[in-house]
PDB file of N, CA and C in Angstrom:
ATOM      1  N   MET A   1      -1.410  23.100 -10.591  1.00  0.00           N
ATOM      2  CA  MET A   1      -1.761  21.909  -9.436  1.00  0.00           C
ATOM      3  C   MET A   1      -0.947  21.952  -7.807  1.00  0.00           C
ATOM      4  N   THR A   2       0.467  22.293  -8.496  1.00  0.00           N
ATOM      5  CA  THR A   2       1.137  22.091  -7.077  1.00  0.00           C
ATOM      6  C   THR A   2       1.858  23.080  -5.824  1.00  0.00           C
ATOM      7  N   VAL A   3       0.774  24.095  -6.519  1.00  0.00           N
ATOM      8  CA  VAL A   3       0.643  25.637  -5.536  1.00  0.00           C
ATOM      9  C   VAL A   3       0.230  25.881  -4.304  1.00  0.00           C
ATOM     10  N   TRP A   4      -1.293  24.975  -4.507  1.00  0.00           N
ATOM     11  CA  TRP A   4      -1.893  24.993  -3.585  1.00  0.00           C
ATOM     12  C   TRP A   4      -1.414  23.611  -2.178  1.00  0.00           C
ATOM     13  N   PHE A   5      -0.620  22.820  -2.742  1.00  0.00           N
ATOM     14  CA  PHE A   5       0.309  21.550  -2.075  1.00  0.00           C
ATOM     15  C   PHE A   5       1.293  22.402  -1.542  1.00  0.00           C
ATOM     16  N   LEU A   6       2.133  23.382  -1.660  1.00  0.00           N
ATOM     17  CA  LEU A   6       3.001  23.912  -0.782  1.00  0.00           C
ATOM     18  C   LEU A   6       2.436  24.674   0.063  1.00  0.00           C
ATOM     19  N   PHE A   7       1.298  25.362   0.048  1.00  0.00           N
ATOM     20  CA  PHE A   7       0.448  25.943   1.189  1.00  0.00           C
ATOM     21  C   PHE A   7       0.078  24.289   2.247  1.00  0.00           C
ATOM     22  N   THR A   8      -0.558  23.415   1.487  1.00  0.00           N
ATOM     23  CA  THR A   8      -1.242  22.627   2.566  1.00  0.00           C
ATOM     24  C   THR A   8      -0.456  22.274   3.608  1.00  0.00           C
ATOM     25  N   PHE A   9       0.624  21.127   2.519  1.00  0.00           N
ATOM     26  CA  PHE A   9       1.973  20.757   2.935  1.00  0.00           C
ATOM     27  C   PHE A   9       2.567  21.623   4.389  1.00  0.00           C
ATOM     28  N   PRO A  10       3.116  22.197   4.716  1.00  0.00           N
ATOM     29  CA  PRO A  10       3.076  22.728   5.766  1.00  0.00           C
ATOM     30  C   PRO A  10       1.840  22.802   6.981  1.00  0.00           C
ATOM     31  N   LEU A  11       0.501  22.999   6.728  1.00  0.00           N
ATOM     32  CA  LEU A  11      -0.615  22.836   7.986  1.00  0.00           C
ATOM     33  C   LEU A  11      -0.738  21.785   7.792  1.00  0.00           C
ATOM     34  N   PHE A  12      -0.751  20.602   6.811  1.00  0.00           N
ATOM     35  CA  PHE A  12      -0.666  19.222   6.852  1.00  0.00           C
ATOM     36  C   PHE A  12       0.546  18.699   8.099  1.00  0.00           C
ATOM     37  N   VAL A  13       1.593  19.549   8.372  1.00  0.00           N
ATOM     38  CA  VAL A  13       2.711  18.872   9.206  1.00  0.00           C
ATOM     39  C   VAL A  13       2.501  19.238  10.241  1.00  0.00           C
ATOM     40  N   LEU A  14       2.234  20.758  10.522  1.00  0.00           N
ATOM     41  CA  LEU A  14       1.893  21.314  11.645  1.00  0.00           C
ATOM     42  C   LEU A  14       0.928  21.079  12.300  1.00  0.00           C
ATOM     43  N   TRP A  15      -0.787  20.467  11.822  1.00  0.00           N
ATOM     44  CA  TRP A  15      -1.734  19.402  12.307  1.00  0.00           C
ATOM     45  C   TRP A  15      -0.907  18.313  13.251  1.00  0.00           C
ATOM     46  N   GLY A  16      -0.271  17.735  12.407  1.00  0.00           N
ATOM     47  CA  GLY A  16       0.221  16.060  12.616  1.00  0.00           C
ATOM     48  C   GLY A  16       0.936  16.328  13.823  1.00  0.00           C
ATOM     49  N   ILE A  17       1.866  17.391  13.460  1.00  0.00           N
ATOM     50  CA  ILE A  17       3.062  17.647  14.891  1.00  0.00           C
ATOM     51  C   ILE A  17       1.976  18.049  16.351  1.00  0.00           C
ATOM     52  N   LEU A  18       0.643  18.572  16.109  1.00  0.00           N
ATOM     53  CA  LEU A  18       0.424  19.350  16.640  1.00  0.00           C
ATOM     54  C   LEU A  18      -0.547  18.269  17.605  1.00  0.00           C
ATOM     55  N   SER A  19      -1.165  17.870  16.716  1.00  0.00           N
ATOM     56  CA  SER A  19      -2.057  16.655  17.365  1.00  0.00           C
ATOM     57  C   SER A  19      -1.136  15.333  18.206  1.00  0.00           C
ATOM     58  N   ALA A  20      -0.075  15.091  17.537  1.00  0.00           N
ATOM     59  CA  ALA A  20       0.221  13.650  17.745  1.00  0.00           C
ATOM     60  C   ALA A  20       1.071  14.222  19.998  1.00  0.00           C
ATOM     61  N   TYR A  21       1.246  15.450  20.078  1.00  0.00           N
ATOM     62  CA  TYR A  21       1.888  15.700  21.343  1.00  0.00           C
ATOM     63  C   TYR A  21       0.474  16.274  22.210  1.00  0.00           C
ATOM     64  N   THR A  22      -0.386  16.736  21.530  1.00  0.00           N
ATOM     65  CA  THR A  22      -1.144  16.630  22.745  1.00  0.00           C
ATOM     66  C   THR A  22      -2.011  15.583  22.620  1.00  0.00           C
ATOM     67  N   LEU A  23      -1.727  14.554  21.789  1.00  0.00           N
ATOM     68  CA  LEU A  23      -2.257  13.394  22.697  1.00  0.00           C
ATOM     69  C   LEU A  23      -1.431  12.543  23.564  1.00  0.00           C
ATOM     70  N   ARG A  24       0.469  13.063  23.552  1.00  0.00           N
ATOM     71  CA  ARG A  24       1.334  12.309  24.536  1.00  0.00           C
ATOM     72  C   ARG A  24       0.747  13.460  25.801  1.00  0.00           C
ATOM     73  N   ILE A  25      -0.062  14.182  25.599  1.00  0.00           N
ATOM     74  CA  ILE A  25       0.502  15.159  27.167  1.00  0.00           C
ATOM     75  C   ILE A  25      -0.686  14.828  28.002  1.00  0.00           C
ATOM     76  N   ARG A  26      -2.213  14.589  26.415  1.00  0.00           N
ATOM     77  CA  ARG A  26      -3.360  13.836  27.197  1.00  0.00           C
ATOM     78  C   ARG A  26      -3.532  12.159  28.185  1.00  0.00           C
ATOM     79  N   PHE A  27      -2.986  11.721  26.807  1.00  0.00           N
ATOM     80  CA  PHE A  27      -2.196  10.019  27.413  1.00  0.00           C
ATOM     81  C   PHE A  27      -1.369  10.340  28.397  1.00  0.00           C
ATOM     82  N   SER A  28      -0.479  10.996  28.344  1.00  0.00           N
ATOM     83  CA  SER A  28       0.722  10.656  29.772  1.00  0.00           C
ATOM     84  C   SER A  28       0.121  10.521  31.011  1.00  0.00           C
ATOM     85  N   GLY A  29       0.902   9.508  31.738  1.00  0.00           N
ATOM     86  CA  GLY A  29       0.223   9.858  33.173  1.00  0.00           C
ATOM     87  C   GLY A  29       0.394   8.794  33.636  1.00  0.00           C
ATOM     88  N   GLU A  30      -0.233   8.446  35.466  1.00  0.00           N
ATOM     89  CA  GLU A  30       0.354   6.769  35.765  1.00  0.00           C
ATOM     90  C   GLU A  30      -0.880   5.610  35.303  1.00  0.00           C
ATOM     91  N   LYS A  31      -1.930   6.731  34.626  1.00  0.00           N
ATOM     92  CA  LYS A  31      -3.085   5.673  33.951  1.00  0.00           C
ATOM     93  C   LYS A  31      -2.875   5.402  32.619  1.00  0.00           C
ATOM     94  N   LEU A  32      -1.487   5.072  32.249  1.00  0.00           N
ATOM     95  CA  LEU A  32      -1.146   4.649  31.018  1.00  0.00           C
ATOM     96  C   LEU A  32      -1.634   3.280  30.390  1.00  0.00           C
ATOM     97  N   TRP A  33      -1.553   2.370  31.412  1.00  0.00           N
ATOM     98  CA  TRP A  33      -1.678   1.295  30.503  1.00  0.00           C
ATOM     99  C   TRP A  33      -3.213   0.691  30.796  1.00  0.00           C
ATOM    100  N   ASP A  34      -3.787   1.759  31.631  1.00  0.00           N
ATOM    101  CA  ASP A  34      -5.310   1.294  32.040  1.00  0.00           C
ATOM    102  C   ASP A  34      -5.604   0.791  30.601  1.00  0.00           C
ATOM    103  N   PHE A  35      -6.622  -0.289  31.067  1.00  0.00           N
ATOM    104  CA  PHE A  35      -7.411  -0.827  29.393  1.00  0.00           C
ATOM    105  C   PHE A  35      -6.516  -1.248  28.542  1.00  0.00           C
ATOM    106  N   LEU A  36      -5.836  -1.798  28.787  1.00  0.00           N
ATOM    107  CA  LEU A  36      -4.365  -2.846  27.928  1.00  0.00           C
ATOM    108  C   LEU A  36      -3.671  -1.820  27.497  1.00  0.00           C
ATOM    109  N   GLY A  37      -3.782  -0.330  27.774  1.00  0.00           N
ATOM    110  CA  GLY A  37      -2.807  -0.003  27.308  1.00  0.00           C
ATOM    111  C   GLY A  37      -3.271   0.518  25.671  1.00  0.00           C
ATOM    112  N   VAL A  38      -4.656   0.922  25.300  1.00  0.00           N
ATOM    113  CA  VAL A  38      -4.820   1.202  24.639  1.00  0.00           C
ATOM    114  C   VAL A  38      -4.782   2.769  24.584  1.00  0.00           C
ATOM    115  N   LYS A  39      -4.424   3.630  25.521  1.00  0.00           N
ATOM    116  CA  LYS A  39      -4.156   4.873  24.572  1.00  0.00           C
ATOM    117  C   LYS A  39      -2.548   4.917  24.144  1.00  0.00           C
ATOM    118  N   PHE A  40      -1.886   4.090  24.650  1.00  0.00           N
ATOM    119  CA  PHE A  40      -0.510   4.243  24.185  1.00  0.00           C
ATOM    120  C   PHE A  40      -0.037   3.325  22.549  1.00  0.00           C
ATOM    121  N   ILE A  41      -1.399   2.541  22.512  1.00  0.00           N
ATOM    122  CA  ILE A  41      -1.114   1.896  21.012  1.00  0.00           C
ATOM    123  C   ILE A  41      -2.785   3.042  20.166  1.00  0.00           C
ATOM    124  N   VAL A  42      -3.223   3.917  20.816  1.00  0.00           N
ATOM    125  CA  VAL A  42      -3.628   5.133  19.562  1.00  0.00           C
ATOM    126  C   VAL A  42      -2.540   5.766  19.325  1.00  0.00           C
ATOM    127  N   CYS A  43      -2.069   6.430  20.265  1.00  0.00           N
ATOM    128  CA  CYS A  43      -0.503   7.129  19.869  1.00  0.00           C
ATOM    129  C   CYS A  43      -0.087   6.623  18.820  1.00  0.00           C
ATOM    130  N   MET A  44       0.215   5.000  18.971  1.00  0.00           N
ATOM    131  CA  MET A  44       1.320   4.374  18.752  1.00  0.00           C
ATOM    132  C   MET A  44       0.876   4.414  16.905  1.00  0.00           C
ATOM    133  N   ILE A  45      -0.612   4.426  17.037  1.00  0.00           N
ATOM    134  CA  ILE A  45      -1.130   4.293  15.464  1.00  0.00           C
ATOM    135  C   ILE A  45      -1.172   5.096  14.671  1.00  0.00           C
ATOM    136  N   PHE A  46      -1.331   6.086  15.636  1.00  0.00           N
ATOM    137  CA  PHE A  46      -1.081   8.318  14.342  1.00  0.00           C
ATOM    138  C   PHE A  46      -0.044   8.329  14.758  1.00  0.00           C
ATOM    139  N   ASN A  47       1.198   7.787  15.233  1.00  0.00           N
ATOM    140  CA  ASN A  47       2.174   8.863  14.335  1.00  0.00           C
ATOM    141  C   ASN A  47       2.457   7.909  13.786  1.00  0.00           C
ATOM    142  N   SER A  48       2.404   5.976  13.631  1.00  0.00           N
ATOM    143  CA  SER A  48       2.684   5.089  12.254  1.00  0.00           C
ATOM    144  C   SER A  48       2.291   5.904  11.344  1.00  0.00           C
ATOM    145  N   VAL A  49       1.299   6.041  11.145  1.00  0.00           N
ATOM    146  CA  VAL A  49       0.420   6.788   9.778  1.00  0.00           C
ATOM    147  C   VAL A  49       1.089   7.709   9.492  1.00  0.00           C
ATOM    148  N   PHE A  50       1.594   8.723  10.358  1.00  0.00           N
ATOM    149  CA  PHE A  50       2.098  10.126   9.803  1.00  0.00           C
ATOM    150  C   PHE A  50       3.648   9.532   9.350  1.00  0.00           C
ATOM    151  N   GLY A  51       4.296   8.374  10.150  1.00  0.00           N
ATOM    152  CA  GLY A  51       5.351   8.685   9.749  1.00  0.00           C
ATOM    153  C   GLY A  51       5.625   7.478   8.597  1.00  0.00           C
ATOM    154  N   PHE A  52       4.772   6.952   8.325  1.00  0.00           N
ATOM    155  CA  PHE A  52       4.430   6.352   7.313  1.00  0.00           C
ATOM    156  C   PHE A  52       4.541   6.788   5.962  1.00  0.00           C
ATOM    157  N   VAL A  53       3.468   8.007   5.867  1.00  0.00           N
ATOM    158  CA  VAL A  53       3.549   9.305   4.862  1.00  0.00           C
ATOM    159  C   VAL A  53       4.087  10.289   4.873  1.00  0.00           C
ATOM    160  N   TYR A  54       5.250  10.232   5.789  1.00  0.00           N
ATOM    161  CA  TYR A  54       6.618  11.358   5.348  1.00  0.00           C
ATOM    162  C   TYR A  54       8.081   9.956   4.941  1.00  0.00           C
ATOM    163  N   PHE A  55       7.926   8.851   5.364  1.00  0.00           N
ATOM    164  CA  PHE A  55       8.769   8.125   4.841  1.00  0.00           C
ATOM    165  C   PHE A  55       8.562   8.088   3.593  1.00  0.00           C
ATOM    166  N   ARG A  56       7.299   7.866   3.006  1.00  0.00           N
ATOM    167  CA  ARG A  56       6.818   7.205   1.571  1.00  0.00           C
ATOM    168  C   ARG A  56       7.689   8.291   0.644  1.00  0.00           C
ATOM    169  N   ILE A  57       7.336   9.626   1.324  1.00  0.00           N
ATOM    170  CA  ILE A  57       8.017  11.404   0.298  1.00  0.00           C
ATOM    171  C   ILE A  57       9.107  11.048   0.517  1.00  0.00           C
ATOM    172  N   VAL A  58       9.429  10.514   1.456  1.00  0.00           N
ATOM    173  CA  VAL A  58      11.085  10.751   1.421  1.00  0.00           C
ATOM    174  C   VAL A  58      11.714   9.538   0.060  1.00  0.00           C
ATOM    175  N   LYS A  59      11.486   7.936   0.408  1.00  0.00           N
ATOM    176  CA  LYS A  59      11.985   7.162  -0.426  1.00  0.00           C
ATOM    177  C   LYS A  59      12.124   6.720  -1.692  1.00  0.00           C
ATOM    178  N   PHE A  60      10.427   6.720  -1.732  1.00  0.00           N
ATOM    179  CA  PHE A  60       9.613   6.620  -3.037  1.00  0.00           C
ATOM    180  C   PHE A  60       9.325   8.458  -3.930  1.00  0.00           C
ATOM    181  N   GLN A  61       9.190   9.052  -3.094  1.00  0.00           N
ATOM    182  CA  GLN A  61       8.760  10.532  -3.553  1.00  0.00           C
ATOM    183  C   GLN A  61       7.424  10.414  -4.056  1.00  0.00           C
ATOM    184  N   GLU A  62       6.557  10.437  -3.288  1.00  0.00           N
ATOM    185  CA  GLU A  62       4.992   9.789  -3.458  1.00  0.00           C
ATOM    186  C   GLU A  62       4.630  10.542  -2.307  1.00  0.00           C
ATOM    187  N   PHE A  63       3.649  11.435  -2.730  1.00  0.00           N
ATOM    188  CA  PHE A  63       2.332  12.179  -1.932  1.00  0.00           C
ATOM    189  C   PHE A  63       1.204  11.259  -2.082  1.00  0.00           C
ATOM    190  N   PRO A  64       0.474  11.873  -0.517  1.00  0.00           N
ATOM    191  CA  PRO A  64      -0.852  11.081  -0.491  1.00  0.00           C
ATOM    192  C   PRO A  64      -1.762  11.351  -1.717  1.00  0.00           C
ATOM    193  N   VAL A  65      -2.106  12.553  -1.629  1.00  0.00           N
ATOM    194  CA  VAL A  65      -2.939  12.951  -3.092  1.00  0.00           C
ATOM    195  C   VAL A  65      -2.768  12.932  -3.892  1.00  0.00           C
ATOM    196  N   LEU A  66      -0.973  13.487  -4.084  1.00  0.00           N
ATOM    197  CA  LEU A  66      -0.800  13.996  -5.392  1.00  0.00           C
ATOM    198  C   LEU A  66      -0.363  12.610  -6.239  1.00  0.00           C
ATOM    199  N   GLY A  67       0.321  11.615  -5.187  1.00  0.00           N
ATOM    200  CA  GLY A  67       1.247  10.555  -6.230  1.00  0.00           C
ATOM    201  C   GLY A  67       2.380  10.461  -6.291  1.00  0.00           C
ATOM    202  N   PHE A  68       2.960  10.205  -7.531  1.00  0.00           N
ATOM    203  CA  PHE A  68       4.271   9.700  -7.895  1.00  0.00           C
ATOM    204  C   PHE A  68       5.101  11.111  -8.341  1.00  0.00           C
ATOM    205  N   ARG A  69       5.681  12.044  -7.629  1.00  0.00           N
ATOM    206  CA  ARG A  69       6.069  13.364  -8.003  1.00  0.00           C
ATOM    207  C   ARG A  69       7.249  13.461  -7.903  1.00  0.00           C
ATOM    208  N   PRO A  70       8.272  12.720  -8.849  1.00  0.00           N
ATOM    209  CA  PRO A  70       9.853  13.627  -8.159  1.00  0.00           C
ATOM    210  C   PRO A  70      10.291  15.155  -8.327  1.00  0.00           C
ATOM    211  N   ASP A  71       9.237  15.284  -9.413  1.00  0.00           N
ATOM    212  CA  ASP A  71       9.217  16.711 -10.079  1.00  0.00           C
ATOM    213  C   ASP A  71       9.083  17.914  -8.632  1.00  0.00           C
ATOM    214  N   LEU A  72       8.287  17.635  -7.596  1.00  0.00           N
ATOM    215  CA  LEU A  72       8.395  18.499  -6.217  1.00  0.00           C
ATOM    216  C   LEU A  72       9.633  18.279  -5.455  1.00  0.00           C
ATOM    217  N   ILE A  73       9.857  16.965  -5.266  1.00  0.00           N
ATOM    218  CA  ILE A  73      11.385  16.896  -5.003  1.00  0.00           C
ATOM    219  C   ILE A  73      12.218  17.820  -4.972  1.00  0.00           C
ATOM    220  N   ALA A  74      12.592  17.406  -6.175  1.00  0.00           N
ATOM    221  CA  ALA A  74      13.618  17.945  -7.659  1.00  0.00           C
ATOM    222  C   ALA A  74      13.836  19.690  -7.224  1.00  0.00           C
ATOM    223  N   ASP A  75      12.297  20.297  -7.535  1.00  0.00           N
ATOM    224  CA  ASP A  75      12.232  21.759  -7.564  1.00  0.00           C
ATOM    225  C   ASP A  75      11.930  21.816  -6.105  1.00  0.00           C
ATOM    226  N   TYR A  76      11.798  21.536  -4.871  1.00  0.00           N
ATOM    227  CA  TYR A  76      11.694  21.874  -3.230  1.00  0.00           C
ATOM    228  C   TYR A  76      12.579  21.228  -2.177  1.00  0.00           C
ATOM    229  N   PRO A  77      13.698  20.461  -2.495  1.00  0.00           N
ATOM    230  CA  PRO A  77      13.974  19.971  -1.835  1.00  0.00           C
ATOM    231  C   PRO A  77      13.743  19.939  -0.384  1.00  0.00           C
ATOM    232  N   LEU A  78      13.730  20.963   0.145  1.00  0.00           N
ATOM    233  CA  LEU A  78      13.411  21.428   1.485  1.00  0.00           C
ATOM    234  C   LEU A  78      11.989  19.937   2.302  1.00  0.00           C
ATOM    235  N   ILE A  79      11.165  19.820   1.507  1.00  0.00           N
ATOM    236  CA  ILE A  79      10.474  19.087   1.925  1.00  0.00           C
ATOM    237  C   ILE A  79      10.556  17.523   2.159  1.00  0.00           C
ATOM    238  N   SER A  80      11.427  16.917   1.734  1.00  0.00           N
ATOM    239  CA  SER A  80      12.178  15.822   2.176  1.00  0.00           C
ATOM    240  C   SER A  80      12.732  15.853   3.202  1.00  0.00           C
ATOM    241  N   TYR A  81      13.907  17.050   3.425  1.00  0.00           N
ATOM    242  CA  TYR A  81      13.890  17.196   4.824  1.00  0.00           C
ATOM    243  C   TYR A  81      12.872  18.010   5.978  1.00  0.00           C
ATOM    244  N   ILE A  82      12.040  18.173   5.604  1.00  0.00           N
ATOM    245  CA  ILE A  82      10.716  18.702   6.477  1.00  0.00           C
ATOM    246  C   ILE A  82      10.114  17.551   7.039  1.00  0.00           C
ATOM    247  N   ALA A  83      10.213  16.230   5.666  1.00  0.00           N
ATOM    248  CA  ALA A  83       9.969  14.761   6.192  1.00  0.00           C
ATOM    249  C   ALA A  83      10.806  13.890   7.052  1.00  0.00           C
ATOM    250  N   ILE A  84      11.753  14.238   7.036  1.00  0.00           N
ATOM    251  CA  ILE A  84      12.438  13.126   7.762  1.00  0.00           C
ATOM    252  C   ILE A  84      12.788  14.167   9.412  1.00  0.00           C
ATOM    253  N   PHE A  85      12.402  15.387   9.151  1.00  0.00           N
ATOM    254  CA  PHE A  85      12.521  15.995  10.424  1.00  0.00           C
ATOM    255  C   PHE A  85      11.127  15.411  10.833  1.00  0.00           C
ATOM    256  N   CYS A  86      10.427  14.912  10.513  1.00  0.00           N
ATOM    257  CA  CYS A  86       8.898  15.038  10.877  1.00  0.00           C
ATOM    258  C   CYS A  86       8.882  13.198  11.498  1.00  0.00           C
ATOM    259  N   ILE A  87       9.680  12.432  10.681  1.00  0.00           N
ATOM    260  CA  ILE A  87       9.586  10.702  11.235  1.00  0.00           C
ATOM    261  C   ILE A  87       9.849  11.312  12.426  1.00  0.00           C
ATOM    262  N   TYR A  88      11.454  11.852  12.694  1.00  0.00           N
ATOM    263  CA  TYR A  88      12.596  11.578  14.205  1.00  0.00           C
ATOM    264  C   TYR A  88      10.370  12.715  14.781  1.00  0.00           C
ATOM    265  N   ILE A  89      10.044  13.526  14.924  1.00  0.00           N
ATOM    266  CA  ILE A  89       9.786  14.337  15.456  1.00  0.00           C
ATOM    267  C   ILE A  89       8.290  13.106  15.928  1.00  0.00           C
ATOM    268  N   HIS A  90       7.833  12.175  14.807  1.00  0.00           N
ATOM    269  CA  HIS A  90       6.455  11.608  15.315  1.00  0.00           C
ATOM    270  C   HIS A  90       7.412  10.538  15.935  1.00  0.00           C
ATOM    271  N   GLY A  91       8.708  10.087  16.274  1.00  0.00           N
ATOM    272  CA  GLY A  91       8.772   9.018  16.932  1.00  0.00           C
ATOM    273  C   GLY A  91       9.243   8.932  18.076  1.00  0.00           C
ATOM    274  N   PHE A  92       9.330  10.430  18.847  1.00  0.00           N
ATOM    275  CA  PHE A  92       9.125  11.090  20.127  1.00  0.00           C
ATOM    276  C   PHE A  92       7.671  11.173  20.731  1.00  0.00           C
ATOM    277  N   ALA A  93       6.414  11.164  19.865  1.00  0.00           N
ATOM    278  CA  ALA A  93       5.862  12.437  20.799  1.00  0.00           C
ATOM    279  C   ALA A  93       4.432  10.824  21.133  1.00  0.00           C
ATOM    280  N   PHE A  94       5.288   9.826  21.996  1.00  0.00           N
ATOM    281  CA  PHE A  94       4.824   8.779  22.411  1.00  0.00           C
ATOM    282  C   PHE A  94       4.265   9.035  24.044  1.00  0.00           C
ATOM    283  N   PRO A  95       3.346   8.742  24.464  1.00  0.00           N
ATOM    284  CA  PRO A  95       2.952   8.934  25.813  1.00  0.00           C
ATOM    285  C   PRO A  95       3.950   8.596  26.490  1.00  0.00           C
ATOM    286  N   VAL A  96       3.992   9.119  28.353  1.00  0.00           N
ATOM    287  CA  VAL A  96       5.239   8.151  29.079  1.00  0.00           C
ATOM    288  C   VAL A  96       3.769   8.646  30.552  1.00  0.00           C
ATOM    289  N   GLU A  97       5.034   7.353  31.401  1.00  0.00           N
ATOM    290  CA  GLU A  97       4.356   7.016  32.599  1.00  0.00           C
ATOM    291  C   GLU A  97       4.366   8.538  33.279  1.00  0.00           C
ATOM    292  N   ARG A  98       5.166   9.436  33.220  1.00  0.00           N
ATOM    293  CA  ARG A  98       5.060  10.707  34.220  1.00  0.00           C
ATOM    294  C   ARG A  98       3.937  11.412  33.577  1.00  0.00           C
ATOM    295  N   GLU A  99       3.259  12.149  34.824  1.00  0.00           N
ATOM    296  CA  GLU A  99       2.720  13.411  34.243  1.00  0.00           C
ATOM    297  C   GLU A  99       3.645  14.234  33.752  1.00  0.00           C
ATOM    298  N   LEU A 100       2.371  14.870  32.051  1.00  0.00           N
ATOM    299  CA  LEU A 100       2.995  15.804  31.414  1.00  0.00           C
ATOM    300  C   LEU A 100       2.630  17.493  31.666  1.00  0.00           C
ATOM    301  N   ARG A 101       2.898  17.993  31.398  1.00  0.00           N
ATOM    302  CA  ARG A 101       2.278  20.040  31.090  1.00  0.00           C
ATOM    303  C   ARG A 101       2.491  20.054  30.189  1.00  0.00           C
ATOM    304  N   TRP A 102       1.467  20.924  29.543  1.00  0.00           N
ATOM    305  CA  TRP A 102       1.122  21.676  28.700  1.00  0.00           C
ATOM    306  C   TRP A 102       2.946  22.945  27.676  1.00  0.00           C
ATOM    307  N   TRP A 103       3.468  23.573  29.324  1.00  0.00           N
ATOM    308  CA  TRP A 103       4.653  24.080  29.124  1.00  0.00           C
ATOM    309  C   TRP A 103       5.581  23.039  29.003  1.00  0.00           C
ATOM    310  N   PHE A 104       7.099  23.341  29.472  1.00  0.00           N
ATOM    311  CA  PHE A 104       8.228  23.174  29.580  1.00  0.00           C
ATOM    312  C   PHE A 104       8.503  22.260  30.956  1.00  0.00           C
TER     313      PHE A 104
END
């Protein structure tokens, strides 16, 4: 049962990070605060949901689909480190008022 999770968790993480930074790049620019800041609020909700999921993994060993599984964290402690890293990554994925590009 946990074998599929070990393959899908990195895909879930990658999809979340790529989506968050895609939203950041697409919504950044001079018109960030048009329509009462809806762009910023959408990114804030998206990143907060992912941050909440990762926080639950780190603090309570509770996974979105599997439920309470401290054995996964004990067997694979890298999952906790990835979740902590992703909390910080999603914390920096908010749009800004300057124009961003896809490259550096």
